[in-house]
C-alpha atoms as a PDB file:
ATOM      1  CA  UNK A   1     107.746  87.651 114.706  1.00  0.00           C
ATOM      2  CA  UNK A   2     108.567  91.342 114.345  1.00  0.00           C
ATOM      3  CA  UNK A   3     111.513  92.852 112.527  1.00  0.00           C
ATOM      4  CA  UNK A   4     112.737  96.375 113.256  1.00  0.00           C
ATOM      5  CA  UNK A   5     115.082  98.381 111.054  1.00  0.00           C
ATOM      6  CA  UNK A   6     116.437 101.751 112.170  1.00  0.00           C
ATOM      7  CA  UNK A   7     117.668 104.487 109.868  1.00  0.00           C
ATOM      8  CA  UNK A   8     118.543 108.162 109.951  1.00  0.00           C
ATOM      9  CA  UNK A   9     121.645 108.111 112.098  1.00  0.00           C
ATOM     10  CA  UNK A  10     124.767 110.002 111.203  1.00  0.00           C
ATOM     11  CA  UNK A  11     127.207 112.725 112.155  1.00  0.00           C
ATOM     12  CA  UNK A  12     125.883 116.103 113.195  1.00  0.00           C
ATOM     13  CA  UNK A  13     127.265 119.176 114.929  1.00  0.00           C
ATOM     14  CA  UNK A  14     126.185 120.146 118.417  1.00  0.00           C
ATOM     15  CA  UNK A  15     122.974 122.116 118.285  1.00  0.00           C
ATOM     16  CA  UNK A  16     121.850 120.404 115.129  1.00  0.00           C
ATOM     17  CA  UNK A  17     118.909 118.129 114.460  1.00  0.00           C
ATOM     18  CA  UNK A  18     118.392 114.588 113.280  1.00  0.00           C
ATOM     19  CA  UNK A  19     115.372 112.365 112.741  1.00  0.00           C
ATOM     20  CA  UNK A  20     115.537 108.636 113.291  1.00  0.00           C
ATOM     21  CA  UNK A  21     113.095 106.180 111.788  1.00  0.00           C
ATOM     22  CA  UNK A  22     112.246 102.607 112.687  1.00  0.00           C
ATOM     23  CA  UNK A  23     110.340 100.483 110.206  1.00  0.00           C
ATOM     24  CA  UNK A  24     108.505  97.495 111.646  1.00  0.00           C
ATOM     25  CA  UNK A  25     107.438  94.443 109.707  1.00  0.00           C
ATOM     26  CA  UNK A  26     106.025  91.030 110.460  1.00  0.00           C
ATOM     27  CA  UNK A  27     103.326  90.659 113.118  1.00  0.00           C
ATOM     28  CA  UNK A  28     102.832  94.404 113.407  1.00  0.00           C
ATOM     29  CA  UNK A  29      99.187  94.140 114.441  1.00  0.00           C
ATOM     30  CA  UNK A  30     100.313  92.933 117.845  1.00  0.00           C
ATOM     31  CA  UNK A  31     102.790  95.740 118.548  1.00  0.00           C
ATOM     32  CA  UNK A  32     101.929  97.730 121.648  1.00  0.00           C
ATOM     33  CA  UNK A  33     104.310 100.248 123.211  1.00  0.00           C
ATOM     34  CA  UNK A  34     107.371 101.241 121.189  1.00  0.00           C
ATOM     35  CA  UNK A  35     110.437 103.137 122.227  1.00  0.00           C
ATOM     36  CA  UNK A  36     113.947 104.338 121.599  1.00  0.00           C
ATOM     37  CA  UNK A  37     116.940 103.325 123.687  1.00  0.00           C
ATOM     38  CA  UNK A  38     120.564 104.280 123.323  1.00  0.00           C
ATOM     39  CA  UNK A  39     123.930 102.918 124.342  1.00  0.00           C
ATOM     40  CA  UNK A  40     127.274 104.685 124.135  1.00  0.00           C
ATOM     41  CA  UNK A  41     130.634 102.940 124.290  1.00  0.00           C
ATOM     42  CA  UNK A  42     131.359 101.674 127.774  1.00  0.00           C
ATOM     43  CA  UNK A  43     127.950 102.638 129.102  1.00  0.00           C
ATOM     44  CA  UNK A  44     124.741 100.783 129.820  1.00  0.00           C
ATOM     45  CA  UNK A  45     121.738 100.984 127.569  1.00  0.00           C
ATOM     46  CA  UNK A  46     119.299 103.657 128.662  1.00  0.00           C
ATOM     47  CA  UNK A  47     115.748 104.537 127.806  1.00  0.00           C
ATOM     48  CA  UNK A  48     115.312 107.619 125.652  1.00  0.00           C
ATOM     49  CA  UNK A  49     111.572 107.742 125.032  1.00  0.00           C
ATOM     50  CA  UNK A  50     108.529 105.512 124.731  1.00  0.00           C
ATOM     51  CA  UNK A  51     105.145 105.896 123.113  1.00  0.00           C
ATOM     52  CA  UNK A  52     101.991 103.849 123.510  1.00  0.00           C
ATOM     53  CA  UNK A  53      99.727 102.814 120.685  1.00  0.00           C
ATOM     54  CA  UNK A  54      97.400 105.613 121.760  1.00  0.00           C
ATOM     55  CA  UNK A  55     100.145 108.224 121.579  1.00  0.00           C
ATOM     56  CA  UNK A  56     101.049 108.703 125.241  1.00  0.00           C
ATOM     57  CA  UNK A  57     104.750 109.501 125.581  1.00  0.00           C
ATOM     58  CA  UNK A  58     107.453 109.218 128.198  1.00  0.00           C
ATOM     59  CA  UNK A  59     110.913 110.774 128.038  1.00  0.00           C
ATOM     60  CA  UNK A  60     114.175 110.476 129.873  1.00  0.00           C
ATOM     61  CA  UNK A  61     115.039 113.644 131.785  1.00  0.00           C
ATOM     62  CA  UNK A  62     118.166 114.104 129.690  1.00  0.00           C
ATOM     63  CA  UNK A  63     116.184 114.554 126.472  1.00  0.00           C
ATOM     64  CA  UNK A  64     113.013 116.276 127.656  1.00  0.00           C
ATOM     65  CA  UNK A  65     112.311 119.392 125.665  1.00  0.00           C
ATOM     66  CA  UNK A  66     114.729 118.387 122.913  1.00  0.00           C
ATOM     67  CA  UNK A  67     113.507 115.043 121.558  1.00  0.00           C
ATOM     68  CA  UNK A  68     110.071 114.093 120.280  1.00  0.00           C
ATOM     69  CA  UNK A  69     108.923 110.527 119.773  1.00  0.00           C
ATOM     70  CA  UNK A  70     106.062 109.744 117.417  1.00  0.00           C
ATOM     71  CA  UNK A  71     104.600 106.837 115.498  1.00  0.00           C
ATOM     72  CA  UNK A  72     102.584 106.220 112.381  1.00  0.00           C
ATOM     73  CA  UNK A  73     100.632 103.056 113.054  1.00  0.00           C
ATOM     74  CA  UNK A  74      99.327 102.872 109.501  1.00  0.00           C
ATOM     75  CA  UNK A  75     102.888 102.811 108.182  1.00  0.00           C
ATOM     76  CA  UNK A  76     104.236 100.707 111.060  1.00  0.00           C
ATOM     77  CA  UNK A  77     106.940 103.280 111.618  1.00  0.00           C
ATOM     78  CA  UNK A  78     108.417 104.867 114.737  1.00  0.00           C
ATOM     79  CA  UNK A  79     110.230 108.202 114.708  1.00  0.00           C
ATOM     80  CA  UNK A  80     112.526 110.158 116.971  1.00  0.00           C
ATOM     81  CA  UNK A  81     113.009 113.835 116.196  1.00  0.00           C
ATOM     82  CA  UNK A  82     116.156 115.033 117.922  1.00  0.00           C
ATOM     83  CA  UNK A  83     116.783 118.761 118.241  1.00  0.00           C
ATOM     84  CA  UNK A  84     119.507 120.791 119.946  1.00  0.00           C
ATOM     85  CA  UNK A  85     121.748 117.763 119.966  1.00  0.00           C
ATOM     86  CA  UNK A  86     124.622 117.562 122.418  1.00  0.00           C
ATOM     87  CA  UNK A  87     127.850 115.537 122.340  1.00  0.00           C
ATOM     88  CA  UNK A  88     126.410 113.541 125.248  1.00  0.00           C
ATOM     89  CA  UNK A  89     123.719 112.272 122.874  1.00  0.00           C
ATOM     90  CA  UNK A  90     126.337 110.312 120.943  1.00  0.00           C
ATOM     91  CA  UNK A  91     125.343 106.647 121.039  1.00  0.00           C
ATOM     92  CA  UNK A  92     123.895 103.773 119.105  1.00  0.00           C
ATOM     93  CA  UNK A  93     120.142 104.238 119.092  1.00  0.00           C
ATOM     94  CA  UNK A  94     117.961 101.151 119.192  1.00  0.00           C
ATOM     95  CA  UNK A  95     114.318 100.794 118.286  1.00  0.00           C
ATOM     96  CA  UNK A  96     112.171  98.711 120.614  1.00  0.00           C
ATOM     97  CA  UNK A  97     108.728  97.221 120.156  1.00  0.00           C
ATOM     98  CA  UNK A  98     106.712  95.335 122.732  1.00  0.00           C
ATOM     99  CA  UNK A  99     104.638  92.661 121.057  1.00  0.00           C
ATOM    100  CA  UNK A 100     101.540  91.369 122.785  1.00  0.00           C
ATOM    101  CA  UNK A 101     100.831  87.670 123.181  1.00  0.00           C
ATOM    102  CA  UNK A 102      97.203  87.224 124.115  1.00  0.00           C
ATOM    103  CA  UNK A 103      97.631  83.500 124.543  1.00  0.00           C
ATOM    104  CA  UNK A 104     100.420  83.974 127.066  1.00  0.00           C
ATOM    105  CA  UNK A 105      98.946  87.202 128.482  1.00  0.00           C
ATOM    106  CA  UNK A 106     102.337  88.834 128.208  1.00  0.00           C
ATOM    107  CA  UNK A 107     104.535  91.032 126.026  1.00  0.00           C
ATOM    108  CA  UNK A 108     107.847  90.274 124.359  1.00  0.00           C
ATOM    109  CA  UNK A 109     110.403  92.959 123.448  1.00  0.00           C
ATOM    110  CA  UNK A 110     111.904  93.107 119.979  1.00  0.00           C
ATOM    111  CA  UNK A 111     114.970  95.143 119.091  1.00  0.00           C
ATOM    112  CA  UNK A 112     116.440  96.604 115.941  1.00  0.00           C
ATOM    113  CA  UNK A 113     120.107  96.482 115.007  1.00  0.00           C
ATOM    114  CA  UNK A 114     120.681 100.101 115.946  1.00  0.00           C
ATOM    115  CA  UNK A 115     121.789 103.243 114.166  1.00  0.00           C
ATOM    116  CA  UNK A 116     124.821 105.322 115.128  1.00  0.00           C
ATOM    117  CA  UNK A 117     124.354 108.950 116.114  1.00  0.00           C
ATOM    118  CA  UNK A 118     127.496 111.007 116.592  1.00  0.00           C
ATOM    119  CA  UNK A 119     127.349 114.607 117.768  1.00  0.00           C
ATOM    120  CA  UNK A 120     130.520 116.650 117.405  1.00  0.00           C
ATOM    121  CA  UNK A 121     131.480 119.543 119.668  1.00  0.00           C
END
C-alpha cells in the first residue's frame, strides 16, 4: 500500500511560479516511476511529466521548458517546479506512483487526492 499526499497548490498570476510536492508513504521501497497529471473542469486527465527512479524525465509538449519534475528518493517526495505559468495550466494536479509487484510481475498505479492550481490572467 502506498499513500500519496500533494501540497503546494494555490492561486498565482500568469507568469508566476509554483512548486508542488507529493509525499509518499507506505510501501515506498517498491515505487518505480512517478509522475504528475492534471485535470481541469470538463476536460480529461492529461499527463504533465514523469520521472523514473533513475531520474529520466518525460514532459508533455505543453509544459516543456516551463516545468521541471524531480524526486528525492531518500525523502520519498516528488516535486513539480512550475515556471512561467499560464491560465491554461489551471487544473487539479495529481501525483502518481507506479508500485512494482515482483510476485505478479506488474505495476499498480497509486494516486493522490490532488491539489488545485489556479492561474489568473
